[in-house]
Amino acid sequence: MTALLASYTPLLQPLPLWDYWVWLIIPLCVAVSVVYKTIKCQHVHQIPREAAGITLWIITAMIGVAAGVWLTYMVFVQWT
């Protein structure tokens, strides 16, 4: 990882994260959840618990959709 960052020039090249891009879904889900719950919650102390819950829902739904797409691919392409 340090060798990748050694050749990185900020603002001129994209960050070399092509091997780790899948893990960027977690901070994206957390950010969306916090912003959404900040707008919807009536009290500030509810936001962390509610955001954690909706983050888990989003990640679980994405895993379910990925499993469904993979299963559909296996049924219609690989097993025929």
Foldseek 3Di string as FASTA:
>chain_A
DVVQVVPDDPPPDDRPCPVPVVVVVLVVLLVVLLVVCVVVDPDPVCRVVRSVVSSVVVVVVVVVVVVVVVVVCCVPPVPD
